[in-house]
Amino acid sequence: MKQLGNLALVCAQRSATLLQIQNGIVDVFVGSGPEREVLSANWDDDAEILRIIHELNFGKFRMPPQRG
């Protein structure tokens, strides 16, 4: 539960990411259309939420480098 705020901050920085918390489950929807993927965890599973944060920051769903 301590990592929910960190996850919210990571998701807020992305336009194609939706964070939903419902019935004790955290869902992060990444992308749009048929390519949309969902990362899920129990709301109080800090280890799994940290894994999702890591995936968003450094893994498959990391944001491309910004130019400029």
N, C-alpha and C. Protein backbone atom coordinates (compact mmCIF):
# COMPACT_ATOMS: atom_id res chain seq x y z
N MET A 1 0.82 -1.19 0.00
CA MET A 1 0.00 0.00 0.00
C MET A 1 0.86 1.25 0.00
N LYS A 2 2.07 1.16 0.46
CA LYS A 2 2.96 2.31 0.51
C LYS A 2 3.37 2.78 -0.87
N GLN A 3 3.30 1.91 -1.86
CA GLN A 3 3.78 2.24 -3.20
C GLN A 3 2.69 2.78 -4.13
N LEU A 4 1.45 2.83 -3.68
CA LEU A 4 0.37 3.32 -4.54
C LEU A 4 0.60 4.76 -4.98
N GLY A 5 1.09 5.61 -4.09
CA GLY A 5 1.37 7.00 -4.45
C GLY A 5 2.44 7.10 -5.52
N ASN A 6 3.49 6.29 -5.39
CA ASN A 6 4.54 6.29 -6.40
C ASN A 6 4.00 5.84 -7.75
N LEU A 7 3.16 4.82 -7.74
CA LEU A 7 2.57 4.35 -8.98
C LEU A 7 1.69 5.43 -9.60
N ALA A 8 0.94 6.13 -8.78
CA ALA A 8 0.08 7.20 -9.28
C ALA A 8 0.91 8.30 -9.95
N LEU A 9 2.05 8.64 -9.36
CA LEU A 9 2.92 9.66 -9.95
C LEU A 9 3.48 9.21 -11.30
N VAL A 10 3.89 7.97 -11.38
CA VAL A 10 4.43 7.44 -12.64
C VAL A 10 3.35 7.47 -13.71
N CYS A 11 2.15 7.04 -13.37
CA CYS A 11 1.05 7.00 -14.35
C CYS A 11 0.62 8.40 -14.78
N ALA A 12 0.66 9.35 -13.85
CA ALA A 12 0.22 10.72 -14.15
C ALA A 12 1.10 11.40 -15.18
N GLN A 13 2.32 10.94 -15.33
CA GLN A 13 3.26 11.54 -16.28
C GLN A 13 3.09 11.00 -17.69
N ARG A 14 2.15 10.11 -17.89
CA ARG A 14 1.98 9.45 -19.18
C ARG A 14 0.58 9.68 -19.72
N SER A 15 0.50 10.03 -20.99
CA SER A 15 -0.82 10.32 -21.57
C SER A 15 -1.58 9.04 -21.95
N ALA A 16 -0.90 7.97 -22.22
CA ALA A 16 -1.57 6.74 -22.67
C ALA A 16 -1.63 5.69 -21.56
N THR A 17 -1.70 6.15 -20.30
CA THR A 17 -1.75 5.23 -19.17
C THR A 17 -2.93 5.59 -18.27
N LEU A 18 -3.68 4.59 -17.86
CA LEU A 18 -4.81 4.78 -16.97
C LEU A 18 -4.62 3.92 -15.74
N LEU A 19 -4.68 4.54 -14.56
CA LEU A 19 -4.60 3.83 -13.29
C LEU A 19 -6.00 3.70 -12.72
N GLN A 20 -6.40 2.48 -12.37
CA GLN A 20 -7.72 2.25 -11.79
C GLN A 20 -7.55 1.38 -10.56
N ILE A 21 -8.19 1.79 -9.45
CA ILE A 21 -8.19 1.01 -8.22
C ILE A 21 -9.65 0.70 -7.89
N GLN A 22 -9.97 -0.59 -7.87
CA GLN A 22 -11.35 -0.99 -7.65
C GLN A 22 -11.38 -2.37 -7.01
N ASN A 23 -12.21 -2.52 -5.99
CA ASN A 23 -12.39 -3.81 -5.32
C ASN A 23 -11.07 -4.43 -4.85
N GLY A 24 -10.15 -3.60 -4.38
CA GLY A 24 -8.89 -4.09 -3.86
C GLY A 24 -7.86 -4.45 -4.92
N ILE A 25 -8.13 -4.15 -6.17
CA ILE A 25 -7.22 -4.46 -7.27
C ILE A 25 -6.77 -3.17 -7.94
N VAL A 26 -5.47 -3.08 -8.21
CA VAL A 26 -4.89 -1.96 -8.95
C VAL A 26 -4.69 -2.44 -10.38
N ASP A 27 -5.25 -1.73 -11.34
CA ASP A 27 -5.04 -2.03 -12.75
C ASP A 27 -4.40 -0.83 -13.41
N VAL A 28 -3.35 -1.07 -14.19
CA VAL A 28 -2.72 -0.03 -14.98
C VAL A 28 -2.89 -0.44 -16.44
N PHE A 29 -3.64 0.37 -17.17
CA PHE A 29 -3.88 0.13 -18.59
C PHE A 29 -2.86 0.96 -19.37
N VAL A 30 -2.08 0.30 -20.22
CA VAL A 30 -1.02 0.96 -20.96
C VAL A 30 -1.29 0.82 -22.45
N GLY A 31 -1.24 1.94 -23.16
CA GLY A 31 -1.47 1.93 -24.59
C GLY A 31 -2.93 2.14 -24.91
N SER A 32 -3.27 1.90 -26.17
CA SER A 32 -4.65 2.09 -26.60
C SER A 32 -4.99 1.08 -27.68
N GLY A 33 -6.27 0.94 -27.92
CA GLY A 33 -6.73 0.03 -28.96
C GLY A 33 -6.38 -1.41 -28.68
N PRO A 34 -6.21 -2.19 -29.73
CA PRO A 34 -5.95 -3.62 -29.55
C PRO A 34 -4.59 -3.91 -28.92
N GLU A 35 -3.69 -2.92 -28.91
CA GLU A 35 -2.38 -3.12 -28.30
C GLU A 35 -2.38 -2.82 -26.80
N ARG A 36 -3.50 -2.38 -26.25
CA ARG A 36 -3.57 -2.02 -24.83
C ARG A 36 -3.28 -3.24 -23.98
N GLU A 37 -2.45 -3.05 -22.98
CA GLU A 37 -2.12 -4.12 -22.05
C GLU A 37 -2.50 -3.68 -20.65
N VAL A 38 -2.72 -4.65 -19.77
CA VAL A 38 -3.12 -4.37 -18.39
C VAL A 38 -2.13 -5.02 -17.44
N LEU A 39 -1.64 -4.23 -16.50
CA LEU A 39 -0.80 -4.73 -15.42
C LEU A 39 -1.63 -4.65 -14.15
N SER A 40 -1.73 -5.74 -13.39
CA SER A 40 -2.61 -5.78 -12.23
C SER A 40 -1.88 -6.28 -11.00
N ALA A 41 -2.37 -5.81 -9.84
CA ALA A 41 -1.85 -6.25 -8.55
C ALA A 41 -2.89 -5.99 -7.49
N ASN A 42 -2.80 -6.69 -6.37
CA ASN A 42 -3.61 -6.35 -5.22
C ASN A 42 -3.14 -5.00 -4.70
N TRP A 43 -4.06 -4.18 -4.20
CA TRP A 43 -3.73 -2.81 -3.80
C TRP A 43 -2.72 -2.76 -2.68
N ASP A 44 -2.58 -3.82 -1.89
CA ASP A 44 -1.65 -3.81 -0.76
C ASP A 44 -0.40 -4.66 -1.02
N ASP A 45 -0.16 -5.07 -2.26
CA ASP A 45 1.01 -5.88 -2.62
C ASP A 45 2.12 -4.97 -3.12
N ASP A 46 2.88 -4.41 -2.18
CA ASP A 46 3.93 -3.46 -2.54
C ASP A 46 4.97 -4.04 -3.49
N ALA A 47 5.32 -5.30 -3.33
CA ALA A 47 6.33 -5.91 -4.20
C ALA A 47 5.85 -5.94 -5.65
N GLU A 48 4.61 -6.30 -5.86
CA GLU A 48 4.07 -6.36 -7.23
C GLU A 48 3.89 -4.95 -7.81
N ILE A 49 3.47 -4.01 -6.97
CA ILE A 49 3.33 -2.63 -7.44
C ILE A 49 4.70 -2.07 -7.81
N LEU A 50 5.72 -2.39 -7.03
CA LEU A 50 7.09 -1.97 -7.40
C LEU A 50 7.52 -2.57 -8.72
N ARG A 51 7.11 -3.82 -8.98
CA ARG A 51 7.44 -4.46 -10.26
C ARG A 51 6.76 -3.71 -11.40
N ILE A 52 5.53 -3.29 -11.20
CA ILE A 52 4.81 -2.53 -12.23
C ILE A 52 5.50 -1.19 -12.46
N ILE A 53 5.87 -0.51 -11.38
CA ILE A 53 6.59 0.76 -11.51
C ILE A 53 7.88 0.57 -12.29
N HIS A 54 8.62 -0.49 -11.96
CA HIS A 54 9.87 -0.77 -12.68
C HIS A 54 9.60 -1.03 -14.16
N GLU A 55 8.55 -1.78 -14.46
CA GLU A 55 8.20 -2.08 -15.85
C GLU A 55 7.86 -0.80 -16.61
N LEU A 56 7.15 0.11 -15.96
CA LEU A 56 6.79 1.38 -16.60
C LEU A 56 7.99 2.28 -16.80
N ASN A 57 8.92 2.26 -15.86
CA ASN A 57 10.09 3.16 -15.95
C ASN A 57 11.23 2.60 -16.79
N PHE A 58 11.46 1.29 -16.71
CA PHE A 58 12.66 0.72 -17.33
C PHE A 58 12.40 -0.46 -18.25
N GLY A 59 11.21 -1.01 -18.24
CA GLY A 59 10.92 -2.22 -19.00
C GLY A 59 10.23 -1.97 -20.32
N LYS A 60 9.38 -2.88 -20.67
CA LYS A 60 8.68 -2.88 -21.96
C LYS A 60 7.88 -1.60 -22.19
N PHE A 61 7.37 -0.98 -21.12
CA PHE A 61 6.48 0.16 -21.26
C PHE A 61 7.15 1.51 -20.96
N ARG A 62 8.48 1.52 -20.94
CA ARG A 62 9.16 2.80 -20.66
C ARG A 62 8.86 3.81 -21.76
N MET A 63 8.88 5.06 -21.38
CA MET A 63 8.60 6.12 -22.35
C MET A 63 9.85 6.33 -23.22
N PRO A 64 9.65 6.62 -24.49
CA PRO A 64 10.81 6.89 -25.35
C PRO A 64 11.51 8.16 -24.90
N PRO A 65 12.81 8.26 -25.14
CA PRO A 65 13.54 9.48 -24.76
C PRO A 65 12.95 10.71 -25.44
N GLN A 66 12.91 11.80 -24.70
CA GLN A 66 12.37 13.04 -25.27
C GLN A 66 13.46 13.78 -26.02
N ARG A 67 13.06 14.35 -27.15
CA ARG A 67 14.01 15.11 -27.95
C ARG A 67 13.88 16.57 -27.58
N GLY A 68 14.96 17.29 -27.76
CA GLY A 68 14.82 18.71 -27.60
C GLY A 68 15.80 19.31 -26.75
